[in-house]
């Protein structure tokens, strides 16, 4: 089936900027898609690449959209190459929603993202009051000794019922990862897992660490795309997989793989708009284990979007 295709580039500003091991992130750029079928029914999608995480660049995604000349078939959508995983997600999710209205988000438990460094100590309480009981804190940003000091203050300030995830974004050395895991083993009741302690290329190191410590390890950057997910599974990883749906690739193929292998999954945001967020959360609701919060507690990093933001974006052109 042939669809009319339009797209708009969209940018939001982080407030304040987000600090990770990859650097400081000030703006979130994405592409909003609109597919229209022969009956005039519309489906919305979003392409939200993070090139330093393993997806295509924003420029590559824009180039792909421009060369379509305003038309695309369903067959072409399912043939989008694997080196454009954010495009695969955006177009497939738009196709799935042609003729559907934006619905309420599924009922899920959310993890709230804390700022890096000491600021986390002052932020968690407001998120707790909003209902969050699981938190994620970025590590590998400052010197390990400094972060361990802050960690001890943070973990002791959290209620005993809270769960904390530590996200290194692949920024630790093997020795630093050992130090963190030794520390986490002392707080087993509160530490849910440490996320991507070592760089993407060191799966063997993370497999060794997972055998030496009681604290759980989750892969994130190592499984950014479906192709990487399949590879790590084939190489023997049976721990936790963090899935960033909006850059993982084809939702239909991702669904099939996860259902086939019954993986321990945590679904996570890439700071999408409401369009990408809804598509990602619908898939998360299908596939998430009931005992793990989804990592979509990120809206507090942006100013609230106006109710007519999508209409305004389309009318600008």
Protein backbone atom coordinates (compact mmCIF):
# COMPACT_ATOMS: atom_id res chain seq x y z
CA UNK A 1 0.00 0.00 0.00
CA UNK A 2 1.19 3.50 -0.86
CA UNK A 3 1.29 6.27 1.76
CA UNK A 4 1.80 9.99 1.50
CA UNK A 5 4.71 10.94 3.72
CA UNK A 6 5.62 14.20 5.46
CA UNK A 7 8.19 14.96 8.12
CA UNK A 8 9.35 17.79 10.36
CA UNK A 9 12.52 18.23 12.36
CA UNK A 10 11.89 18.92 16.06
CA UNK A 11 14.16 20.14 18.84
CA UNK A 12 13.73 20.37 22.62
CA UNK A 13 16.13 21.84 25.15
CA UNK A 14 17.26 19.93 28.21
CA UNK A 15 16.71 21.94 31.38
CA UNK A 16 19.26 21.60 32.81
CA UNK A 17 21.66 19.93 30.33
CA UNK A 18 22.06 16.18 30.83
CA UNK A 19 25.53 14.98 31.88
CA UNK A 20 26.66 11.43 31.06
CA UNK A 21 29.94 9.64 30.45
CA UNK A 22 29.48 10.56 26.77
CA UNK A 23 29.48 14.29 27.59
CA UNK A 24 26.97 17.10 28.11
CA UNK A 25 23.72 16.92 26.15
CA UNK A 26 21.95 20.27 25.68
CA UNK A 27 19.33 19.66 22.97
CA UNK A 28 17.27 16.66 21.85
CA UNK A 29 16.72 16.55 18.11
CA UNK A 30 14.26 14.23 16.40
CA UNK A 31 12.11 13.89 13.29
CA UNK A 32 8.32 13.66 13.45
CA UNK A 33 6.69 11.58 10.69
CA UNK A 34 3.18 11.60 9.27
CA UNK A 35 1.86 8.84 7.02
CA UNK A 36 -1.48 9.28 5.25
CA UNK A 37 -3.25 6.44 3.44
CA UNK A 38 -5.63 6.61 0.46
CA UNK A 39 -8.62 7.05 2.79
CA UNK A 40 -7.03 10.04 4.52
CA UNK A 41 -6.20 8.16 7.71
CA UNK A 42 -3.06 9.36 9.49
CA UNK A 43 -0.34 7.61 11.49
CA UNK A 44 2.33 9.46 13.48
CA UNK A 45 5.87 8.27 14.17
CA UNK A 46 9.17 9.60 15.47
CA UNK A 47 12.80 9.10 14.48
CA UNK A 48 14.98 9.91 17.51
CA UNK A 49 18.55 8.80 16.75
CA UNK A 50 21.47 8.80 19.18
CA UNK A 51 24.51 8.21 16.99
CA UNK A 52 26.96 7.91 19.89
CA UNK A 53 24.78 5.13 21.27
CA UNK A 54 24.82 3.05 18.10
CA UNK A 55 22.09 4.38 15.81
CA UNK A 56 22.35 6.37 12.61
CA UNK A 57 23.05 10.10 12.81
CA UNK A 58 20.32 12.73 12.54
CA UNK A 59 21.76 13.73 9.14
CA UNK A 60 21.54 10.17 7.85
CA UNK A 61 17.93 9.96 9.01
CA UNK A 62 17.09 13.29 7.36
CA UNK A 63 18.78 12.21 4.13
CA UNK A 64 16.71 9.03 4.10
CA UNK A 65 13.48 10.98 4.60
CA UNK A 66 14.33 13.53 1.90
CA UNK A 67 15.08 10.94 -0.77
CA UNK A 68 11.59 9.45 -0.41
CA UNK A 69 10.04 12.44 -2.24
CA UNK A 70 6.89 12.36 -0.15
CA UNK A 71 5.76 8.79 -0.78
CA UNK A 72 6.52 5.36 0.68
CA UNK A 73 4.98 1.89 0.54
CA UNK A 74 4.51 -0.53 3.41
CA UNK A 75 6.90 -2.89 1.62
CA UNK A 76 9.58 -0.17 1.56
CA UNK A 77 9.06 0.50 5.28
CA UNK A 78 9.77 -3.13 6.17
CA UNK A 79 12.81 -3.03 3.85
CA UNK A 80 14.52 -0.08 5.59
CA UNK A 81 18.13 -1.26 6.13
CA UNK A 82 19.46 -2.26 9.54
CA UNK A 83 21.97 0.61 9.58
CA UNK A 84 18.97 2.95 10.02
CA UNK A 85 17.43 1.48 13.21
CA UNK A 86 15.78 4.71 14.41
CA UNK A 87 14.18 5.08 10.98
CA UNK A 88 12.95 1.49 11.17
CA UNK A 89 11.26 2.24 14.49
CA UNK A 90 9.80 5.56 13.39
CA UNK A 91 8.27 4.35 10.14
CA UNK A 92 7.03 1.00 11.46
CA UNK A 93 5.40 2.57 14.51
CA UNK A 94 3.74 5.19 12.30
CA UNK A 95 2.47 2.44 10.00
CA UNK A 96 1.05 0.45 12.94
CA UNK A 97 -0.90 3.50 14.08
CA UNK A 98 -2.45 4.65 10.81
CA UNK A 99 -6.07 5.43 11.58
CA UNK A 100 -5.58 5.13 15.36
CA UNK A 101 -5.97 7.97 17.82
CA UNK A 102 -3.43 8.76 20.53
CA UNK A 103 -4.56 6.61 23.45
CA UNK A 104 -3.79 6.63 27.15
CA UNK A 105 -0.37 5.26 28.04
CA UNK A 106 -0.31 1.71 29.39
CA UNK A 107 -0.12 1.23 33.17
CA UNK A 108 3.51 0.55 34.01
CA UNK A 109 5.91 1.19 36.88
CA UNK A 110 8.47 3.89 36.05
CA UNK A 111 12.07 4.52 37.04
CA UNK A 112 13.04 8.16 37.59
CA UNK A 113 16.31 9.48 36.17
CA UNK A 114 18.45 11.41 38.66
CA UNK A 115 21.02 14.02 37.64
CA UNK A 116 24.69 13.05 37.83
CA UNK A 117 26.80 14.00 40.82
CA UNK A 118 25.71 15.46 44.14
CA UNK A 119 22.57 17.00 42.62
CA UNK A 120 20.96 13.56 42.86
CA UNK A 121 20.85 13.84 46.65
CA UNK A 122 18.63 16.90 46.37
CA UNK A 123 16.37 15.64 43.56
CA UNK A 124 15.26 12.15 44.56
CA UNK A 125 12.78 13.35 47.19
CA UNK A 126 10.69 15.32 44.68
CA UNK A 127 10.55 12.28 42.40
CA UNK A 128 9.61 10.09 45.36
CA UNK A 129 6.72 12.42 46.10
CA UNK A 130 5.59 11.99 42.49
CA UNK A 131 5.39 8.24 43.04
CA UNK A 132 8.74 6.96 41.80
CA UNK A 133 10.21 4.08 43.79
CA UNK A 134 13.05 3.15 41.42
CA UNK A 135 15.80 5.60 40.48
CA UNK A 136 18.69 5.63 38.01
CA UNK A 137 21.89 7.53 38.73
CA UNK A 138 24.67 8.19 36.21
CA UNK A 139 28.20 7.17 37.25
CA UNK A 140 31.52 7.25 35.39
CA UNK A 141 31.15 11.02 35.05
CA UNK A 142 33.51 12.17 37.82
CA UNK A 143 36.46 10.51 39.56
CA UNK A 144 35.44 7.17 41.05
CA UNK A 145 36.49 8.14 44.59
CA UNK A 146 34.29 11.24 44.46
CA UNK A 147 31.34 9.32 43.05
CA UNK A 148 31.63 6.64 45.73
CA UNK A 149 31.45 9.36 48.39
CA UNK A 150 28.28 10.75 46.83
CA UNK A 151 26.89 7.23 46.41
CA UNK A 152 27.26 6.52 50.11
CA UNK A 153 25.36 9.69 50.93
CA UNK A 154 22.69 8.94 48.33
CA UNK A 155 22.08 5.30 49.22
CA UNK A 156 21.82 6.12 52.92
CA UNK A 157 19.36 8.93 52.25
CA UNK A 158 17.00 6.78 50.17
CA UNK A 159 14.18 4.89 51.90
CA UNK A 160 14.87 1.18 52.42
CA UNK A 161 12.11 0.31 49.97
CA UNK A 162 13.69 2.31 47.13
CA UNK A 163 15.61 0.63 44.31
CA UNK A 164 18.66 2.25 42.70
CA UNK A 165 20.14 1.56 39.28
CA UNK A 166 23.68 2.75 38.51
CA UNK A 167 24.39 3.60 34.88
CA UNK A 168 28.05 3.84 33.83
CA UNK A 169 27.38 4.24 30.08
CA UNK A 170 30.40 2.02 29.43
CA UNK A 171 32.71 4.48 31.18
CA UNK A 172 34.47 2.33 33.78
CA UNK A 173 37.74 0.43 33.64
CA UNK A 174 37.67 -3.21 34.74
CA UNK A 175 39.23 -2.26 38.08
CA UNK A 176 36.71 0.56 38.62
CA UNK A 177 33.85 -1.80 37.78
CA UNK A 178 35.15 -4.26 40.38
CA UNK A 179 35.24 -1.48 42.97
CA UNK A 180 31.67 -0.47 42.19
CA UNK A 181 30.41 -4.05 42.26
CA UNK A 182 32.13 -4.71 45.60
CA UNK A 183 30.34 -1.63 46.93
CA UNK A 184 27.00 -2.64 45.42
CA UNK A 185 27.23 -6.10 47.01
CA UNK A 186 27.09 -4.37 50.40
CA UNK A 187 23.70 -2.85 49.48
CA UNK A 188 22.09 -5.80 47.69
CA UNK A 189 18.61 -5.01 48.95
CA UNK A 190 18.62 -1.55 47.34
CA UNK A 191 20.78 -1.92 44.22
CA UNK A 192 18.78 -3.38 41.37
CA UNK A 193 21.68 -3.50 38.89
CA UNK A 194 24.69 -1.69 37.49
CA UNK A 195 24.19 -0.79 33.86
CA UNK A 196 26.86 -1.17 31.15
CA UNK A 197 29.94 -0.90 33.38
CA UNK A 198 32.44 -1.62 30.58
CA UNK A 199 32.71 -0.42 26.95
CA UNK A 200 30.67 -2.05 24.19
CA UNK A 201 33.58 -4.15 22.95
CA UNK A 202 34.18 -5.86 26.30
CA UNK A 203 31.30 -8.30 26.62
CA UNK A 204 33.77 -10.92 27.83
CA UNK A 205 34.75 -8.65 30.71
CA UNK A 206 31.13 -8.12 31.70
CA UNK A 207 30.48 -11.86 31.55
CA UNK A 208 33.42 -12.39 33.94
CA UNK A 209 32.18 -9.69 36.29
CA UNK A 210 28.68 -11.17 36.32
CA UNK A 211 30.14 -14.45 37.56
CA UNK A 212 32.26 -12.85 40.31
CA UNK A 213 29.76 -10.58 42.06
CA UNK A 214 26.24 -10.93 43.42
CA UNK A 215 25.00 -7.60 42.11
CA UNK A 216 23.27 -7.84 38.75
CA UNK A 217 24.73 -6.32 35.58
CA UNK A 218 22.61 -5.01 32.71
CA UNK A 219 23.75 -4.48 29.13
CA UNK A 220 22.72 -1.20 27.51
CA UNK A 221 25.03 0.28 24.86
CA UNK A 222 26.11 -3.28 23.99
CA UNK A 223 22.53 -4.08 22.91
CA UNK A 224 21.52 -0.72 21.44
CA UNK A 225 20.21 -2.31 18.24
CA UNK A 226 18.42 -5.58 17.54
CA UNK A 227 21.48 -6.85 15.68
CA UNK A 228 23.64 -6.23 18.77
CA UNK A 229 21.00 -7.79 21.02
CA UNK A 230 20.99 -10.95 18.94
CA UNK A 231 24.80 -11.05 18.95
CA UNK A 232 25.14 -10.71 22.74
CA UNK A 233 22.51 -13.38 23.28
CA UNK A 234 24.33 -15.73 20.92
CA UNK A 235 27.58 -15.07 22.82
CA UNK A 236 25.99 -16.22 26.06
CA UNK A 237 24.62 -13.19 27.87
CA UNK A 238 21.64 -14.22 30.01
CA UNK A 239 21.56 -11.26 32.39
CA UNK A 240 19.47 -8.13 32.05
CA UNK A 241 19.02 -6.41 28.67
CA UNK A 242 18.18 -2.68 28.59
CA UNK A 243 16.20 -2.00 25.42
CA UNK A 244 15.94 1.51 23.99
CA UNK A 245 13.06 0.74 21.68
CA UNK A 246 13.27 3.93 19.62
CA UNK A 247 16.79 3.11 18.39
CA UNK A 248 16.65 -0.70 18.54
CA UNK A 249 15.27 -1.13 15.03
CA UNK A 250 12.20 -2.90 13.69
CA UNK A 251 9.52 -3.19 16.41
CA UNK A 252 7.98 -6.29 14.80
CA UNK A 253 11.31 -8.14 14.67
CA UNK A 254 12.23 -6.99 18.17
CA UNK A 255 8.89 -8.28 19.49
CA UNK A 256 9.43 -11.63 17.80
CA UNK A 257 12.96 -12.08 19.16
CA UNK A 258 12.06 -11.12 22.73
CA UNK A 259 9.00 -13.38 22.80
CA UNK A 260 10.98 -16.28 21.36
CA UNK A 261 13.73 -16.12 23.99
CA UNK A 262 11.92 -14.86 27.13
CA UNK A 263 14.60 -12.30 28.00
CA UNK A 264 14.98 -10.33 31.24
CA UNK A 265 14.19 -6.88 29.85
CA UNK A 266 14.20 -3.27 31.01
CA UNK A 267 12.73 -0.83 28.49
CA UNK A 268 14.27 2.63 28.48
CA UNK A 269 13.70 6.07 26.98
CA UNK A 270 15.85 7.96 24.50
CA UNK A 271 14.13 11.23 25.46
CA UNK A 272 11.43 10.91 22.80
CA UNK A 273 8.43 13.19 22.40
CA UNK A 274 4.98 11.89 23.34
CA UNK A 275 4.75 10.28 19.88
CA UNK A 276 7.78 8.02 20.18
CA UNK A 277 7.13 7.51 23.87
CA UNK A 278 3.67 6.06 23.32
CA UNK A 279 4.87 3.64 20.64
CA UNK A 280 7.78 2.51 22.83
CA UNK A 281 5.62 2.07 25.93
CA UNK A 282 3.03 0.03 24.04
CA UNK A 283 5.76 -2.44 23.14
CA UNK A 284 7.16 -2.33 26.67
CA UNK A 285 3.73 -3.16 28.08
CA UNK A 286 3.64 -6.27 25.88
CA UNK A 287 7.10 -7.51 26.76
CA UNK A 288 8.17 -6.11 30.15
CA UNK A 289 8.55 -8.41 33.14
CA UNK A 290 6.17 -7.22 35.83
CA UNK A 291 8.91 -6.79 38.43
CA UNK A 292 11.07 -4.26 36.55
CA UNK A 293 10.26 -0.56 36.20
CA UNK A 294 10.56 0.96 32.72
CA UNK A 295 13.14 3.72 32.36
CA UNK A 296 10.81 6.42 31.07
CA UNK A 297 10.86 8.74 34.08
CA UNK A 298 12.58 11.48 32.06
CA UNK A 299 10.00 14.19 31.39
CA UNK A 300 11.34 16.37 34.21
CA UNK A 301 14.43 17.04 32.08
CA UNK A 302 12.32 19.18 29.70
CA UNK A 303 9.91 22.04 30.03
CA UNK A 304 6.33 20.75 29.52
CA UNK A 305 5.27 20.62 25.87
CA UNK A 306 2.34 22.78 24.87
CA UNK A 307 -0.84 20.87 24.09
CA UNK A 308 -0.77 22.10 20.48
CA UNK A 309 2.95 21.55 19.88
CA UNK A 310 2.37 19.07 17.05
CA UNK A 311 -0.12 21.30 15.24
CA UNK A 312 2.23 24.26 15.63
CA UNK A 313 5.15 22.26 14.27
CA UNK A 314 3.19 21.32 11.14
CA UNK A 315 1.89 24.84 10.60
CA UNK A 316 5.40 26.31 10.66
CA UNK A 317 6.03 24.99 7.16
